[in-house]
Amino acid sequence: MNPRPPSTSEPPTEIDLVGFYYTLRSQVWVVLGCMAACLSLGLLYLWWTPKIYEGQAVIQVGQSERRVVKIDGIDSENLESVEALKTLEQNLSNWTLLARVVRNPKLGLTGEALGLKMRDGQPADEGALIYKLAQGMSVSLVRGTRLISIKAQAIDPRVAGVLPNVIIEEYREQVFETHGEITRQANNFLMGEVKRLNTKLQASKEALQEYREKTKAVSLEESRNITDARLRELNAKVTEAKTARLRLESDYSQVRGLTGKGPDLLLNVASIASAPIVLDQKRNLTAQEAELANLSQRYKSKHPKYIQAQSRLEELRAGLDRAIKIAADGLATSVESARVTEQKFEDALREQEVKSLELGRLAIDYETMSRAVESDTTLYQSVLTRLNETDVTKNIGPETVRVISPSSQPAAPAKPRKKLVLALALMAGGMVGGGFAVGRVAVDRSLHTVDEAEKFLNLPALGSVPRDSTPVKSEENLPVLREPHGAAAENFRTLRTSLALLAPPTERRSFLFTSAVPGEGKSFCASNYAIALAQQGLRTLLIDADMRLPALERLFFDAQPPHAGVADVLLDRVSLGEAARAARQPKLFVLTAGFRPKQPAELLAGPRFGEMLRLATEHYDRVVIDTAPVNAVSDTLLLVRAVDAVVLVLHAARTPRKAAARAHLKLADAGAALAGLVLNQLPPAGGRDYYYHYSSGSYGEGVYGAPERPG
């Protein structure tokens, strides 16, 4: 049963990277040609493009102390910030600075030095020079540092080397001029402020002096200090007098509550106990008691000294009672005296408070005027100091940049970069060539490999024939005879083996070779296969059934006048034995197409071809038939049922997929016993391992077909 034929519609494209690689290798000369063309264009570009030189200088941004007006928030830019560095980077390339560079007489910049081409030999105007200079220069901040790289390009190497240095010089001069202008403005402002503040200070001092004279407050501060001290003192005395009065009144109340009671109870009142007269009596009484105790140790109670001392003690006790009574009687007088003293201190305190309030009212205006004088004096001194500093530093510009690496005259041009241009030209050539090759592969819908043909047609590959550049004009030029040890001959022997081993196991003796379209090598494959069968010792008949474009007559018999062939046998003009001729290869016989009939399809469609084929299989071991292309004419489809096996020959990288699929479908519909396919004219060498698969390659080369060693 024949394998299921593929659909004639285009199948989904599968990416075969290995096949793609070898396809590109097969078109390496296209890629190399494109690379050579692009390289030539690159060389032409290098020859035509003028040489551009580049100078480079590197500066470091430094933070300088600016002392024009040292007030918070004014002129306090931090040059270490990224924003300030980026601002400086832009300032080094602005058009104002470039205009100063163009006007610099030391540089003497011209349009020719920058590569400007002016018409009629007219010098370039300033705007064109600035624009060209801006195009050829670059200012870039080195990441992570405070370094700025300045590059400038010119046709003249001297100008290119000097330009970055002139840019830095002009920038410094511009900064100095700007600084000088700011300093002059600040100086004028400060001078005006000094005059204004001096006038204000004088007015404040005069107002303060007039107030002093008016209020006679020359020693106002001292008077306030004395008054405040007196107030504190009187407050303390009033508090002390009030405390004493309250204590005396409390003691007096206790004494009045103890009236008529013993003196001993009155001693519990603090004022009486602390009275001087009572304290003296208690001190004397204590001393006498101590003396009596001492005498009792020496004398008896009847001794005169002891009796005398006892009498003295009694007198002192009586005196203490009298002193307590006297102190109690004088307590009322002490209370009244304490009240009078307290009232005097309170009167003095109120008088002093009135005086302090008067002084406070005077001090409010005085202190206000004094603070105004102090504030005006401080501000005047500060502005005057800044004015003096400005006068000293007005001719000293801020040093914001420091040259780390000055520019020098370049020894070699920076553009065009020869190596880069040539490398890009080669890359572009490779990409263009690769793209062209890829495009050719993308639009190529042919079958390139054995695996691809097998998978697409769902047919086994019986053999693959490598490409042979030798023209086949005669039997001797066929690879099986010309190079019996070569790869092509070995592939035809492989084809012979593959057809011999076909299932089912019943012997197959007739084989038909056809193709999808003309020019795929079906006659070439049929002839080589027939010779391979003859070399195996089998009587083989090779029949040329392509009666429209026969090829075997010219190939085997050197284009002799047409001999009786298939048409003559089918018309019973000659017998098969008379029409078949022996080839140079032993056991090989060839039945050519003969005279061309007017209606070849009708002739082949008759029963005579089947009878001729049956007769041929009786007299020959194998019969090989070369027929017309399936898609070109219908002749082949009339013969496929009469043979044992049909072989479809495809030309590698030429036969369209749709044509191969259509041929397979037609053969299957006609009931052909499709044995498989032969992929003819495979690319040589570089893709051998990939394309051949079933070929022997160079294995055994020089051995098969070599002359035998003499016995």
Foldseek 3Di string as FASTA:
>chain_A
DDDDFFDLDDDDDDDDPVVLVVLCVVLVVLLVVLLVVLLVVLVVCVVPDAFKAKWKFKKFFDDFDDQLPPDPPPPPDDCVDPVNLVVVLVVLLDLVLLLVLCPDPVLVDWCQFLPDDDPPPDTDDSVVSSVSFSVFWHWDQDPPHRMIMIMTMTSDLQSNQCSVVSSVVSVQVVLLVVLLVVLVVSLVVLVVVLVVLVVLLVVLVVVLVVLCVVVVCPVLVVVLVVLVVVLVVLVVQLVVLVVVLVLLVVLLVVLVVQPPHALVVNCVRPQLVPDPQLVVLVVVLVVLVVVLVVVVVVDPCPDPVNVVSVVVNVVSVVSNRVSSVVSSVCSVVVSVVSVVSSVVSVVVSVVSVVVSVVSVVSVVVSVVSVVSSVVSVVVSVVSVVSSVVSVVCSNPGTDGMDTPGRIGRDPGGPPPPSVVSSVVSSVVSSVVSSVVSVVVVVPQQFAAFLVSVCVNGVFHAQFEAAADPDDQQAPCPQCCNVFVQAQRVQRLLSSLVLQCPFPPPPGFFEEEFAELAPDLCSVSSLSSNQLSVVVVVWQEEEAELALPDWDVCRHFPVPDPFADADLCCLVVVDPPVRQWADGPRPSYIYGTSGHRDPCSQVSLLDCSVLVNVVVVVVVTRHYYYYYYHVNPDPNVLSCQVSGDEYEYEGERSPDRSSSRSVSSVSNVVSVHRYNGYYYYHHYDDPCCVPHGVPIPHNVSRPNPPDDDDDD
